[in-house]
Every structure is written in structure tokens, then in C-alpha cells.
Amino acid sequence: MDFLTILQILDSSVRLAVPLLLACLAGLYSERAGIFDIGLEGKMLAAAFASAAIAYVSGSVWIGLLAGIAASMALSIVHGLASITFRGNQLISGVAINFLAAGLTVVVAQNWFKQGGRTPTLEGPARFSEITLPFADALSGIPVLGPLYAEVISGHTIIAYVAFLFVPLTWWILFRTRFGLRLRAVGENPAAVDTAGISVIWLRYSAILICGVLCGLAGAYLATALQAGFTKDMSAGRGFIALAALIFAKWRPVPALYATLLFGFLAAVATRFQTINIGTFRVPVAFTESLPYILTVVILAGFVGKAIPPRAGGAPYVKER
């Protein structure tokens, strides 16, 4: 394997890790507040469709981004109403959101654009363009470090850089602010938070709204940066991979970055080496494509160890009278 191939794999790893990282951080906020959210997949899918459709109609990727965030936040509010206000089962609510988004996006796209459940191809200002960082061209001639900076670190869209900035920002919010302390406390012992005169409902709604914003960014990235439009089921299980990465990271932001980069790397390798020959036997492409998911299960089963979620996670809070 030559150095150019390694650079291409690393570059693809970063690009594929961005939506996983955003969704993983979204789940981190929600689950730290005690709200399990397996509807990350559905929120990403709804955001991908809304951002692509509105970006195409308006001709502006920024309006499309706002539409994607709004669609994701709307589903977050639905999840909040079901699991916080009406104290329903959080897992069932998440599954319902996934089914709703999977069906509704295709139906609306088919009736709107008449292209088999997909949007037209996005071009020009309807897509996010890549950003060349300062001195990328000048430093590209330096052995090893120059190409790494020019090809792997530089040349991504603004959402990608925002996603990586969210990692230290999330760490600071959760572990260095009063809001973060209360958010973590409500996921561990909501009764104690309520006794202190702090609204458990407000904190949990705040967490799921932040979750909606981050899932909206992830979905918009899929449709307007990683690809050039919406296609059916384009989230392709990334929401569930993000949940796996969250468990792998044990609900911490910095390990979440490492976990999503690892899963992005596995996906990049699987995409790069779809054709593998062992002697005269050719490994089926379907097996190669499923390799990241298989390795995800193996990693979670064998290398994570005991991951303990927030103690109040998944349980609706009923205020004592």
C-alpha cells in the first residue's frame, strides 16, 4: 500500500466520521440527561431530506441547513413529548421516529420531485464547498506532514470543522459549567435535582433540543456535503453506529471522537477494498460492505468492558407529591 492510498483512506475516514461524531455527541447530551434516544437514525434521515429539498428549491445550502435542523428538532420535540411529558417508553418512541422518518421522507420526496424517492442533484451554492486551510498548498511539499495537512486536515466543509470543535465544547459544557453539572445530575438522580428546585423537565427538554440540532447538522452534512442530494435510507445505519460509538466511549466526548474516527476508518477501508481475492476465491462485495458493522459488534463485545449508562436513563421521572 503506497502513501497516496493511505492518505486517501485517512481523508475518507475523516469524512465518514463526521456524521457519526455529530450523532454520537447528540446521543451523549440526550442520554446524559437520562433520555435514551435510538431515534438518532430517523432524525438524521429527516434532516438529510429537508436540507437537500430546501437547498435545491431555494438554491441556498444555508437555508437548507436551517431546514434540516428544524426537521430534526421537530422530531426531538415529538420524542420529548412522548418520553418526558407523557412518560412513554423511550425505546418505543425512538423506534417510531425511525419508522416515521424512513417512510415519510420517501413519500414526500416522490410526490414532490417525482424521482423515485430522491431529490435532484445539488450543485453550486446548494452544496457546501470544501475549505482550504491556510498554507495547505505551500506546506504540501514537506515530506509526510505536509501531505497529511494538505490532504487529510485541509479540504473539508465547514460542518466537518464545526463537528470537531464540538468535542472540546461539549467537554467544557458538561464538565466545566453549571448547566453541564445539572444535566449530568438529572441523568443520575433526577429526584435530587428536583429537590434542589431545578426543573427536571426543562433540563431534559434542553438536552433533546441540543440533540436535535446536532442530528440536524449530521443529516445536512450527509445530503449537502458528503453527497449531492437525498436518496432513500441514505443514513444507512449511521445512527445505530453512533449509539455503538457512544457505548464504546462510555458517554464521554473525547473518547467519542476516537470511537467515531475508528468506525469511519473501518468504513473507509471497506469502501476502498471492495474487491478482495484470497487465492482463486473472491470475497463477496456484500461481506466487505458489512465488515464495519461486524467489527463494530466485535469491538463492543470484546474490547469495551463494562459500560455503565446513566442510572436514571430510560426511566420517566415522576415527581413525588
C-alpha atoms as a PDB file:
ATOM      1  CA  MET A   1       0.000   0.000   0.000  1.00  0.00           C
ATOM      2  CA  ASP A   2       1.577   3.300  -1.099  1.00  0.00           C
ATOM      3  CA  PHE A   3       1.476   6.589   0.813  1.00  0.00           C
ATOM      4  CA  LEU A   4      -1.113   8.108  -1.541  1.00  0.00           C
ATOM      5  CA  THR A   5      -3.532   5.271  -0.808  1.00  0.00           C
ATOM      6  CA  ILE A   6      -3.011   5.755   2.935  1.00  0.00           C
ATOM      7  CA  LEU A   7      -3.744   9.478   2.567  1.00  0.00           C
ATOM      8  CA  GLN A   8      -6.933   8.729   0.623  1.00  0.00           C
ATOM      9  CA  ILE A   9      -8.106   6.256   3.271  1.00  0.00           C
ATOM     10  CA  LEU A  10      -7.393   8.722   6.094  1.00  0.00           C
ATOM     11  CA  ASP A  11      -9.196  11.504   4.224  1.00  0.00           C
ATOM     12  CA  SER A  12     -12.224   9.242   3.680  1.00  0.00           C
ATOM     13  CA  SER A  13     -12.086   8.213   7.341  1.00  0.00           C
ATOM     14  CA  VAL A  14     -12.462  11.827   8.447  1.00  0.00           C
ATOM     15  CA  ARG A  15     -15.316  12.481   6.011  1.00  0.00           C
ATOM     16  CA  LEU A  16     -17.196   9.350   7.046  1.00  0.00           C
ATOM     17  CA  ALA A  17     -16.605  10.007  10.745  1.00  0.00           C
ATOM     18  CA  VAL A  18     -18.196  13.478  10.743  1.00  0.00           C
ATOM     19  CA  PRO A  19     -21.893  12.422  10.717  1.00  0.00           C
ATOM     20  CA  LEU A  20     -21.104   9.657  13.214  1.00  0.00           C
ATOM     21  CA  LEU A  21     -19.400  12.145  15.534  1.00  0.00           C
ATOM     22  CA  LEU A  22     -22.279  14.629  15.392  1.00  0.00           C
ATOM     23  CA  ALA A  23     -24.857  11.911  16.027  1.00  0.00           C
ATOM     24  CA  CYS A  24     -22.733  10.436  18.813  1.00  0.00           C
ATOM     25  CA  LEU A  25     -22.471  13.805  20.573  1.00  0.00           C
ATOM     26  CA  ALA A  26     -26.217  14.240  20.088  1.00  0.00           C
ATOM     27  CA  GLY A  27     -26.861  10.962  21.853  1.00  0.00           C
ATOM     28  CA  LEU A  28     -24.353  11.956  24.532  1.00  0.00           C
ATOM     29  CA  TYR A  29     -26.341  15.046  25.532  1.00  0.00           C
ATOM     30  CA  SER A  30     -29.641  13.161  25.476  1.00  0.00           C
ATOM     31  CA  GLU A  31     -28.504  10.108  27.405  1.00  0.00           C
ATOM     32  CA  ARG A  32     -26.510  12.115  29.949  1.00  0.00           C
ATOM     33  CA  ALA A  33     -29.854  13.732  30.792  1.00  0.00           C
ATOM     34  CA  GLY A  34     -31.499  10.335  31.191  1.00  0.00           C
ATOM     35  CA  ILE A  35     -33.301  10.164  27.835  1.00  0.00           C
ATOM     36  CA  PHE A  36     -32.338   7.166  25.718  1.00  0.00           C
ATOM     37  CA  ASP A  37     -32.685   8.074  22.061  1.00  0.00           C
ATOM     38  CA  ILE A  38     -32.437   5.367  19.433  1.00  0.00           C
ATOM     39  CA  GLY A  39     -34.209   7.727  17.060  1.00  0.00           C
ATOM     40  CA  LEU A  40     -30.918   9.332  16.006  1.00  0.00           C
ATOM     41  CA  GLU A  41     -31.192   7.486  12.702  1.00  0.00           C
ATOM     42  CA  GLY A  42     -34.615   8.905  11.945  1.00  0.00           C
ATOM     43  CA  LYS A  43     -33.612  12.442  12.864  1.00  0.00           C
ATOM     44  CA  MET A  44     -30.568  12.280  10.608  1.00  0.00           C
ATOM     45  CA  LEU A  45     -32.699  10.954   7.756  1.00  0.00           C
ATOM     46  CA  ALA A  46     -35.363  13.634   8.155  1.00  0.00           C
ATOM     47  CA  ALA A  47     -32.692  16.332   8.339  1.00  0.00           C
ATOM     48  CA  ALA A  48     -30.953  14.965   5.242  1.00  0.00           C
ATOM     49  CA  PHE A  49     -34.167  15.121   3.220  1.00  0.00           C
ATOM     50  CA  ALA A  50     -35.245  18.539   4.483  1.00  0.00           C
ATOM     51  CA  SER A  51     -31.835  20.105   3.905  1.00  0.00           C
ATOM     52  CA  ALA A  52     -31.472  18.653   0.403  1.00  0.00           C
ATOM     53  CA  ALA A  53     -35.027  19.522  -0.660  1.00  0.00           C
ATOM     54  CA  ILE A  54     -34.983  23.088   0.653  1.00  0.00           C
ATOM     55  CA  ALA A  55     -31.426  23.703  -0.584  1.00  0.00           C
ATOM     56  CA  TYR A  56     -32.495  22.625  -4.080  1.00  0.00           C
ATOM     57  CA  VAL A  57     -35.678  24.718  -4.073  1.00  0.00           C
ATOM     58  CA  SER A  58     -34.102  27.828  -2.534  1.00  0.00           C
ATOM     59  CA  GLY A  59     -30.691  27.500  -4.153  1.00  0.00           C
ATOM     60  CA  SER A  60     -29.008  28.161  -0.793  1.00  0.00           C
ATOM     61  CA  VAL A  61     -27.290  25.487   1.248  1.00  0.00           C
ATOM     62  CA  TRP A  62     -27.582  27.629   4.382  1.00  0.00           C
ATOM     63  CA  ILE A  63     -31.369  27.749   4.143  1.00  0.00           C
ATOM     64  CA  GLY A  64     -31.276  24.002   3.571  1.00  0.00           C
ATOM     65  CA  LEU A  65     -29.135  23.584   6.697  1.00  0.00           C
ATOM     66  CA  LEU A  66     -31.662  25.517   8.781  1.00  0.00           C
ATOM     67  CA  ALA A  67     -34.475  23.389   7.363  1.00  0.00           C
ATOM     68  CA  GLY A  68     -32.595  20.210   8.252  1.00  0.00           C
ATOM     69  CA  ILE A  69     -32.016  21.377  11.819  1.00  0.00           C
ATOM     70  CA  ALA A  70     -35.683  22.379  12.112  1.00  0.00           C
ATOM     71  CA  ALA A  71     -36.849  18.948  10.898  1.00  0.00           C
ATOM     72  CA  SER A  72     -34.588  17.167  13.362  1.00  0.00           C
ATOM     73  CA  MET A  73     -35.648  19.402  16.241  1.00  0.00           C
ATOM     74  CA  ALA A  74     -39.308  18.777  15.409  1.00  0.00           C
ATOM     75  CA  LEU A  75     -38.754  15.042  15.814  1.00  0.00           C
ATOM     76  CA  SER A  76     -36.825  15.709  19.022  1.00  0.00           C
ATOM     77  CA  ILE A  77     -39.821  17.578  20.401  1.00  0.00           C
ATOM     78  CA  VAL A  78     -42.053  14.639  19.445  1.00  0.00           C
ATOM     79  CA  HIS A  79     -39.690  12.323  21.308  1.00  0.00           C
ATOM     80  CA  GLY A  80     -39.696  14.699  24.267  1.00  0.00           C
ATOM     81  CA  LEU A  81     -43.478  14.866  24.394  1.00  0.00           C
ATOM     82  CA  ALA A  82     -43.730  11.083  24.277  1.00  0.00           C
ATOM     83  CA  SER A  83     -40.980  10.276  26.775  1.00  0.00           C
ATOM     84  CA  ILE A  84     -40.873  13.303  29.096  1.00  0.00           C
ATOM     85  CA  THR A  85     -44.313  14.905  29.131  1.00  0.00           C
ATOM     86  CA  PHE A  86     -46.412  11.755  28.686  1.00  0.00           C
ATOM     87  CA  ARG A  87     -43.834   9.441  30.302  1.00  0.00           C
ATOM     88  CA  GLY A  88     -43.974   6.887  27.496  1.00  0.00           C
ATOM     89  CA  ASN A  89     -41.449   4.208  26.698  1.00  0.00           C
ATOM     90  CA  GLN A  90     -38.349   5.929  25.319  1.00  0.00           C
ATOM     91  CA  LEU A  91     -37.246   2.993  23.176  1.00  0.00           C
ATOM     92  CA  ILE A  92     -40.639   2.640  21.500  1.00  0.00           C
ATOM     93  CA  SER A  93     -40.718   6.373  20.819  1.00  0.00           C
ATOM     94  CA  GLY A  94     -37.283   6.184  19.174  1.00  0.00           C
ATOM     95  CA  VAL A  95     -38.298   3.226  17.016  1.00  0.00           C
ATOM     96  CA  ALA A  96     -41.456   5.066  15.945  1.00  0.00           C
ATOM     97  CA  ILE A  97     -39.387   8.094  14.912  1.00  0.00           C
ATOM     98  CA  ASN A  98     -37.110   5.879  12.820  1.00  0.00           C
ATOM     99  CA  PHE A  99     -40.050   4.278  11.017  1.00  0.00           C
ATOM    100  CA  LEU A 100     -41.779   7.632  10.548  1.00  0.00           C
ATOM    101  CA  ALA A 101     -38.713   9.272   9.015  1.00  0.00           C
ATOM    102  CA  ALA A 102     -37.893   6.281   6.782  1.00  0.00           C
ATOM    103  CA  GLY A 103     -41.382   6.230   5.272  1.00  0.00           C
ATOM    104  CA  LEU A 104     -42.262   9.909   5.246  1.00  0.00           C
ATOM    105  CA  THR A 105     -39.070  11.131   3.560  1.00  0.00           C
ATOM    106  CA  VAL A 106     -39.543   8.761   0.613  1.00  0.00           C
ATOM    107  CA  VAL A 107     -43.258   9.523   0.215  1.00  0.00           C
ATOM    108  CA  VAL A 108     -42.760  13.296   0.321  1.00  0.00           C
ATOM    109  CA  ALA A 109     -39.745  13.147  -1.995  1.00  0.00           C
ATOM    110  CA  GLN A 110     -41.643  11.040  -4.530  1.00  0.00           C
ATOM    111  CA  ASN A 111     -44.648  13.361  -4.537  1.00  0.00           C
ATOM    112  CA  TRP A 112     -42.510  16.492  -4.588  1.00  0.00           C
ATOM    113  CA  PHE A 113     -39.783  15.688  -7.101  1.00  0.00           C
ATOM    114  CA  LYS A 114     -41.121  12.589  -8.953  1.00  0.00           C
ATOM    115  CA  GLN A 115     -37.670  10.973  -8.974  1.00  0.00           C
ATOM    116  CA  GLY A 116     -38.256   7.705  -7.168  1.00  0.00           C
ATOM    117  CA  GLY A 117     -37.990   8.999  -3.625  1.00  0.00           C
ATOM    118  CA  ARG A 118     -34.861  11.071  -4.105  1.00  0.00           C
ATOM    119  CA  THR A 119     -34.119  14.747  -4.636  1.00  0.00           C
ATOM    120  CA  PRO A 120     -32.460  16.259  -7.714  1.00  0.00           C
ATOM    121  CA  THR A 121     -28.696  16.585  -7.676  1.00  0.00           C
ATOM    122  CA  LEU A 122     -27.455  19.610  -5.760  1.00  0.00           C
ATOM    123  CA  GLU A 123     -24.976  21.916  -7.451  1.00  0.00           C
ATOM    124  CA  GLY A 124     -23.178  25.181  -6.830  1.00  0.00           C
ATOM    125  CA  PRO A 125     -24.489  27.248  -3.882  1.00  0.00           C
ATOM    126  CA  ALA A 126     -26.903  24.451  -2.950  1.00  0.00           C
ATOM    127  CA  ARG A 127     -23.957  22.391  -1.655  1.00  0.00           C
ATOM    128  CA  PHE A 128     -21.286  23.034   0.948  1.00  0.00           C
ATOM    129  CA  SER A 129     -17.918  23.645  -0.676  1.00  0.00           C
ATOM    130  CA  GLU A 130     -14.604  22.441   0.688  1.00  0.00           C
ATOM    131  CA  ILE A 131     -12.404  24.844   2.636  1.00  0.00           C
ATOM    132  CA  THR A 132      -8.666  25.019   2.005  1.00  0.00           C
ATOM    133  CA  LEU A 133      -6.890  25.850   5.233  1.00  0.00           C
ATOM    134  CA  PRO A 134      -4.082  28.450   5.312  1.00  0.00           C
ATOM    135  CA  PHE A 135      -0.701  27.356   3.898  1.00  0.00           C
ATOM    136  CA  ALA A 136      -2.095  23.976   2.740  1.00  0.00           C
ATOM    137  CA  ASP A 137      -0.631  24.367  -0.739  1.00  0.00           C
ATOM    138  CA  ALA A 138       2.649  25.798   0.495  1.00  0.00           C
ATOM    139  CA  LEU A 139       3.207  23.014   3.025  1.00  0.00           C
ATOM    140  CA  SER A 140       2.165  20.152   0.757  1.00  0.00           C
ATOM    141  CA  GLY A 141       5.762  19.641  -0.388  1.00  0.00           C
ATOM    142  CA  ILE A 142       7.037  18.826   3.104  1.00  0.00           C
ATOM    143  CA  PRO A 143       7.500  15.058   3.450  1.00  0.00           C
ATOM    144  CA  VAL A 144       4.740  13.209   5.345  1.00  0.00           C
ATOM    145  CA  LEU A 145       3.445  16.092   7.482  1.00  0.00           C
ATOM    146  CA  GLY A 146       2.793  18.367   4.502  1.00  0.00           C
ATOM    147  CA  PRO A 147       0.515  15.941   2.622  1.00  0.00           C
ATOM    148  CA  LEU A 148      -1.226  14.999   5.878  1.00  0.00           C
ATOM    149  CA  TYR A 149      -2.081  18.655   6.493  1.00  0.00           C
ATOM    150  CA  ALA A 150      -2.981  19.411   2.888  1.00  0.00           C
ATOM    151  CA  GLU A 151      -4.974  16.255   2.114  1.00  0.00           C
ATOM    152  CA  VAL A 152      -6.334  14.948   5.426  1.00  0.00           C
ATOM    153  CA  ILE A 153      -6.775  18.016   7.664  1.00  0.00           C
ATOM    154  CA  SER A 154      -7.479  20.610   4.983  1.00  0.00           C
ATOM    155  CA  GLY A 155     -10.141  20.359   2.297  1.00  0.00           C
ATOM    156  CA  HIS A 156     -13.258  19.628   4.352  1.00  0.00           C
ATOM    157  CA  THR A 157     -16.529  21.505   4.629  1.00  0.00           C
ATOM    158  CA  ILE A 158     -17.389  23.902   7.414  1.00  0.00           C
ATOM    159  CA  ILE A 159     -19.715  21.348   9.063  1.00  0.00           C
ATOM    160  CA  ALA A 160     -16.780  18.953   9.434  1.00  0.00           C
ATOM    161  CA  TYR A 161     -14.690  21.525  11.269  1.00  0.00           C
ATOM    162  CA  VAL A 162     -17.675  22.527  13.421  1.00  0.00           C
ATOM    163  CA  ALA A 163     -18.184  18.851  14.325  1.00  0.00           C
ATOM    164  CA  PHE A 164     -14.632  18.522  15.620  1.00  0.00           C
ATOM    165  CA  LEU A 165     -14.904  21.822  17.506  1.00  0.00           C
ATOM    166  CA  PHE A 166     -17.993  20.453  19.242  1.00  0.00           C
ATOM    167  CA  VAL A 167     -15.838  17.856  21.006  1.00  0.00           C
ATOM    168  CA  PRO A 168     -13.910  20.259  23.302  1.00  0.00           C
ATOM    169  CA  LEU A 169     -17.003  22.471  23.520  1.00  0.00           C
ATOM    170  CA  THR A 170     -19.098  19.526  24.732  1.00  0.00           C
ATOM    171  CA  TRP A 171     -16.413  18.573  27.249  1.00  0.00           C
ATOM    172  CA  TRP A 172     -16.371  22.135  28.579  1.00  0.00           C
ATOM    173  CA  ILE A 173     -20.174  22.370  28.755  1.00  0.00           C
ATOM    174  CA  LEU A 174     -20.633  19.033  30.521  1.00  0.00           C
ATOM    175  CA  PHE A 175     -17.722  19.207  32.961  1.00  0.00           C
ATOM    176  CA  ARG A 176     -16.992  22.902  33.485  1.00  0.00           C
ATOM    177  CA  THR A 177     -20.386  24.651  33.526  1.00  0.00           C
ATOM    178  CA  ARG A 178     -23.314  24.726  35.925  1.00  0.00           C
ATOM    179  CA  PHE A 179     -25.650  23.647  33.138  1.00  0.00           C
ATOM    180  CA  GLY A 180     -23.476  20.611  32.409  1.00  0.00           C
ATOM    181  CA  LEU A 181     -23.358  19.642  36.073  1.00  0.00           C
ATOM    182  CA  ARG A 182     -27.132  19.807  36.309  1.00  0.00           C
ATOM    183  CA  LEU A 183     -27.525  17.903  33.050  1.00  0.00           C
ATOM    184  CA  ARG A 184     -25.346  15.062  34.293  1.00  0.00           C
ATOM    185  CA  ALA A 185     -27.094  15.100  37.652  1.00  0.00           C
ATOM    186  CA  VAL A 186     -30.537  14.773  36.111  1.00  0.00           C
ATOM    187  CA  GLY A 187     -29.367  11.640  34.319  1.00  0.00           C
ATOM    188  CA  GLU A 188     -28.137  10.114  37.559  1.00  0.00           C
ATOM    189  CA  ASN A 189     -30.596  11.287  40.210  1.00  0.00           C
ATOM    190  CA  PRO A 190     -33.452  13.480  38.944  1.00  0.00           C
ATOM    191  CA  ALA A 191     -35.148  13.455  42.350  1.00  0.00           C
ATOM    192  CA  ALA A 192     -32.136  15.199  43.907  1.00  0.00           C
ATOM    193  CA  VAL A 193     -32.155  17.801  41.131  1.00  0.00           C
ATOM    194  CA  ASP A 194     -35.868  18.384  41.667  1.00  0.00           C
ATOM    195  CA  THR A 195     -35.342  18.726  45.408  1.00  0.00           C
ATOM    196  CA  ALA A 196     -32.788  21.469  44.730  1.00  0.00           C
ATOM    197  CA  GLY A 197     -35.525  23.442  42.970  1.00  0.00           C
ATOM    198  CA  ILE A 198     -34.284  22.821  39.415  1.00  0.00           C
ATOM    199  CA  SER A 199     -36.724  21.757  36.719  1.00  0.00           C
ATOM    200  CA  VAL A 200     -36.033  18.209  35.560  1.00  0.00           C
ATOM    201  CA  ILE A 201     -38.371  18.655  32.597  1.00  0.00           C
ATOM    202  CA  TRP A 202     -36.595  21.818  31.432  1.00  0.00           C
ATOM    203  CA  LEU A 203     -33.173  20.166  31.611  1.00  0.00           C
ATOM    204  CA  ARG A 204     -34.310  17.089  29.711  1.00  0.00           C
ATOM    205  CA  TYR A 205     -36.016  19.138  27.020  1.00  0.00           C
ATOM    206  CA  SER A 206     -32.859  21.245  26.697  1.00  0.00           C
ATOM    207  CA  ALA A 207     -30.829  18.073  26.177  1.00  0.00           C
ATOM    208  CA  ILE A 208     -33.090  16.667  23.472  1.00  0.00           C
ATOM    209  CA  LEU A 209     -33.203  20.015  21.663  1.00  0.00           C
ATOM    210  CA  ILE A 210     -29.390  20.093  21.597  1.00  0.00           C
ATOM    211  CA  CYS A 211     -29.597  16.518  20.342  1.00  0.00           C
ATOM    212  CA  GLY A 212     -31.931  17.700  17.580  1.00  0.00           C
ATOM    213  CA  VAL A 213     -29.530  20.437  16.479  1.00  0.00           C
ATOM    214  CA  LEU A 214     -26.581  18.043  16.261  1.00  0.00           C
ATOM    215  CA  CYS A 215     -28.594  15.386  14.399  1.00  0.00           C
ATOM    216  CA  GLY A 216     -29.742  18.130  12.037  1.00  0.00           C
ATOM    217  CA  LEU A 217     -26.129  19.038  11.313  1.00  0.00           C
ATOM    218  CA  ALA A 218     -25.312  15.360  10.743  1.00  0.00           C
ATOM    219  CA  GLY A 219     -28.199  14.867   8.320  1.00  0.00           C
ATOM    220  CA  ALA A 220     -27.439  18.076   6.447  1.00  0.00           C
ATOM    221  CA  TYR A 221     -23.814  17.005   6.118  1.00  0.00           C
ATOM    222  CA  LEU A 222     -24.874  13.712   4.551  1.00  0.00           C
ATOM    223  CA  ALA A 223     -27.054  15.328   1.894  1.00  0.00           C
ATOM    224  CA  THR A 224     -25.261  18.600   1.134  1.00  0.00           C
ATOM    225  CA  ALA A 225     -21.582  17.851   1.811  1.00  0.00           C
ATOM    226  CA  LEU A 226     -20.804  14.140   1.748  1.00  0.00           C
ATOM    227  CA  GLN A 227     -23.244  13.563  -1.113  1.00  0.00           C
ATOM    228  CA  ALA A 228     -25.111  15.832  -3.529  1.00  0.00           C
ATOM    229  CA  GLY A 229     -28.718  15.197  -2.633  1.00  0.00           C
ATOM    230  CA  PHE A 230     -31.051  12.918  -0.729  1.00  0.00           C
ATOM    231  CA  THR A 231     -31.535   9.231  -1.511  1.00  0.00           C
ATOM    232  CA  LYS A 232     -33.702   6.650   0.230  1.00  0.00           C
ATOM    233  CA  ASP A 233     -32.303   5.455   3.572  1.00  0.00           C
ATOM    234  CA  MET A 234     -29.077   7.382   2.986  1.00  0.00           C
ATOM    235  CA  SER A 235     -28.274   7.439   6.715  1.00  0.00           C
ATOM    236  CA  ALA A 236     -27.557   3.698   6.262  1.00  0.00           C
ATOM    237  CA  GLY A 237     -27.488   2.755   9.926  1.00  0.00           C
ATOM    238  CA  ARG A 238     -25.192   5.595  10.987  1.00  0.00           C
ATOM    239  CA  GLY A 239     -27.480   6.482  13.873  1.00  0.00           C
ATOM    240  CA  PHE A 240     -27.086   2.994  15.326  1.00  0.00           C
ATOM    241  CA  ILE A 241     -23.334   3.038  14.733  1.00  0.00           C
ATOM    242  CA  ALA A 242     -23.243   6.351  16.606  1.00  0.00           C
ATOM    243  CA  LEU A 243     -25.029   4.719  19.533  1.00  0.00           C
ATOM    244  CA  ALA A 244     -22.470   1.918  19.472  1.00  0.00           C
ATOM    245  CA  ALA A 245     -19.678   4.505  19.455  1.00  0.00           C
ATOM    246  CA  LEU A 246     -21.337   6.226  22.419  1.00  0.00           C
ATOM    247  CA  ILE A 247     -21.254   2.999  24.422  1.00  0.00           C
ATOM    248  CA  PHE A 248     -17.685   2.372  23.261  1.00  0.00           C
ATOM    249  CA  ALA A 249     -16.766   5.867  24.532  1.00  0.00           C
ATOM    250  CA  LYS A 250     -18.639   5.281  27.811  1.00  0.00           C
ATOM    251  CA  TRP A 251     -20.617   8.521  27.398  1.00  0.00           C
ATOM    252  CA  ARG A 252     -17.563  10.800  27.233  1.00  0.00           C
ATOM    253  CA  PRO A 253     -16.930  13.337  24.424  1.00  0.00           C
ATOM    254  CA  VAL A 254     -13.202  12.856  23.739  1.00  0.00           C
ATOM    255  CA  PRO A 255     -13.366   9.025  23.568  1.00  0.00           C
ATOM    256  CA  ALA A 256     -16.429   9.530  21.351  1.00  0.00           C
ATOM    257  CA  LEU A 257     -14.161  11.301  18.861  1.00  0.00           C
ATOM    258  CA  TYR A 258     -11.720   8.383  18.852  1.00  0.00           C
ATOM    259  CA  ALA A 259     -14.534   5.837  18.524  1.00  0.00           C
ATOM    260  CA  THR A 260     -16.170   7.572  15.551  1.00  0.00           C
ATOM    261  CA  LEU A 261     -12.820   8.023  13.812  1.00  0.00           C
ATOM    262  CA  LEU A 262     -12.231   4.296  14.266  1.00  0.00           C
ATOM    263  CA  PHE A 263     -15.606   3.412  12.753  1.00  0.00           C
ATOM    264  CA  GLY A 264     -15.007   5.917   9.960  1.00  0.00           C
ATOM    265  CA  PHE A 265     -11.670   4.256   9.251  1.00  0.00           C
ATOM    266  CA  LEU A 266     -13.298   0.800   9.093  1.00  0.00           C
ATOM    267  CA  ALA A 267     -15.901   2.107   6.665  1.00  0.00           C
ATOM    268  CA  ALA A 268     -13.237   3.796   4.529  1.00  0.00           C
ATOM    269  CA  VAL A 269     -11.177   0.593   4.332  1.00  0.00           C
ATOM    270  CA  ALA A 270     -14.275  -1.433   3.411  1.00  0.00           C
ATOM    271  CA  THR A 271     -15.158   1.054   0.677  1.00  0.00           C
ATOM    272  CA  ARG A 272     -11.605   1.184  -0.672  1.00  0.00           C
ATOM    273  CA  PHE A 273     -11.053  -2.567  -0.800  1.00  0.00           C
ATOM    274  CA  GLN A 274     -14.394  -3.872  -2.010  1.00  0.00           C
ATOM    275  CA  THR A 275     -12.671  -6.460  -4.179  1.00  0.00           C
ATOM    276  CA  ILE A 276     -10.552  -8.887  -2.150  1.00  0.00           C
ATOM    277  CA  ASN A 277      -9.107 -12.042  -3.624  1.00  0.00           C
ATOM    278  CA  ILE A 278      -7.810 -14.923  -1.481  1.00  0.00           C
ATOM    279  CA  GLY A 279      -6.075 -17.158  -3.965  1.00  0.00           C
ATOM    280  CA  THR A 280      -8.692 -18.010  -6.565  1.00  0.00           C
ATOM    281  CA  PHE A 281     -11.583 -17.130  -4.233  1.00  0.00           C
ATOM    282  CA  ARG A 282     -13.116 -13.662  -4.452  1.00  0.00           C
ATOM    283  CA  VAL A 283     -14.633 -12.350  -1.226  1.00  0.00           C
ATOM    284  CA  PRO A 284     -18.241 -11.235  -1.905  1.00  0.00           C
ATOM    285  CA  VAL A 285     -18.732  -7.470  -2.026  1.00  0.00           C
ATOM    286  CA  ALA A 286     -21.671  -7.772   0.387  1.00  0.00           C
ATOM    287  CA  PHE A 287     -19.353  -9.233   3.025  1.00  0.00           C
ATOM    288  CA  THR A 288     -16.828  -6.442   2.535  1.00  0.00           C
ATOM    289  CA  GLU A 289     -19.550  -3.787   2.867  1.00  0.00           C
ATOM    290  CA  SER A 290     -20.861  -5.392   6.039  1.00  0.00           C
ATOM    291  CA  LEU A 291     -17.380  -5.598   7.598  1.00  0.00           C
ATOM    292  CA  PRO A 292     -17.637  -2.275   9.521  1.00  0.00           C
ATOM    293  CA  TYR A 293     -20.856  -3.454  11.172  1.00  0.00           C
ATOM    294  CA  ILE A 294     -19.369  -6.854  12.021  1.00  0.00           C
ATOM    295  CA  LEU A 295     -16.273  -5.246  13.508  1.00  0.00           C
ATOM    296  CA  THR A 296     -18.489  -2.852  15.478  1.00  0.00           C
ATOM    297  CA  VAL A 297     -20.149  -5.808  17.192  1.00  0.00           C
ATOM    298  CA  VAL A 298     -16.777  -7.486  17.788  1.00  0.00           C
ATOM    299  CA  ILE A 299     -15.281  -4.322  19.292  1.00  0.00           C
ATOM    300  CA  LEU A 300     -18.259  -3.728  21.563  1.00  0.00           C
ATOM    301  CA  ALA A 301     -18.332  -7.360  22.685  1.00  0.00           C
ATOM    302  CA  GLY A 302     -14.628  -7.856  23.248  1.00  0.00           C
ATOM    303  CA  PHE A 303     -12.886  -4.575  23.943  1.00  0.00           C
ATOM    304  CA  VAL A 304     -15.257  -2.145  25.625  1.00  0.00           C
ATOM    305  CA  GLY A 305     -15.504  -3.796  29.009  1.00  0.00           C
ATOM    306  CA  LYS A 306     -18.269  -2.838  31.389  1.00  0.00           C
ATOM    307  CA  ALA A 307     -20.012   0.315  30.197  1.00  0.00           C
ATOM    308  CA  ILE A 308     -22.415   1.721  32.794  1.00  0.00           C
ATOM    309  CA  PRO A 309     -25.019   4.140  31.420  1.00  0.00           C
ATOM    310  CA  PRO A 310     -26.527   6.986  33.473  1.00  0.00           C
ATOM    311  CA  ARG A 311     -28.512   5.423  36.318  1.00  0.00           C
ATOM    312  CA  ALA A 312     -31.763   7.239  35.560  1.00  0.00           C
ATOM    313  CA  GLY A 313     -31.527   6.598  31.834  1.00  0.00           C
ATOM    314  CA  GLY A 314     -34.662   5.282  30.172  1.00  0.00           C
ATOM    315  CA  ALA A 315     -36.909   5.878  33.184  1.00  0.00           C
ATOM    316  CA  PRO A 316     -39.521   8.664  33.125  1.00  0.00           C
ATOM    317  CA  TYR A 317     -39.381  10.964  36.111  1.00  0.00           C
ATOM    318  CA  VAL A 318     -42.496  11.140  38.239  1.00  0.00           C
ATOM    319  CA  LYS A 319     -42.409  13.982  40.731  1.00  0.00           C
ATOM    320  CA  GLU A 320     -43.250  12.964  44.284  1.00  0.00           C
ATOM    321  CA  ARG A 321     -46.096  14.835  45.883  1.00  0.00           C
END
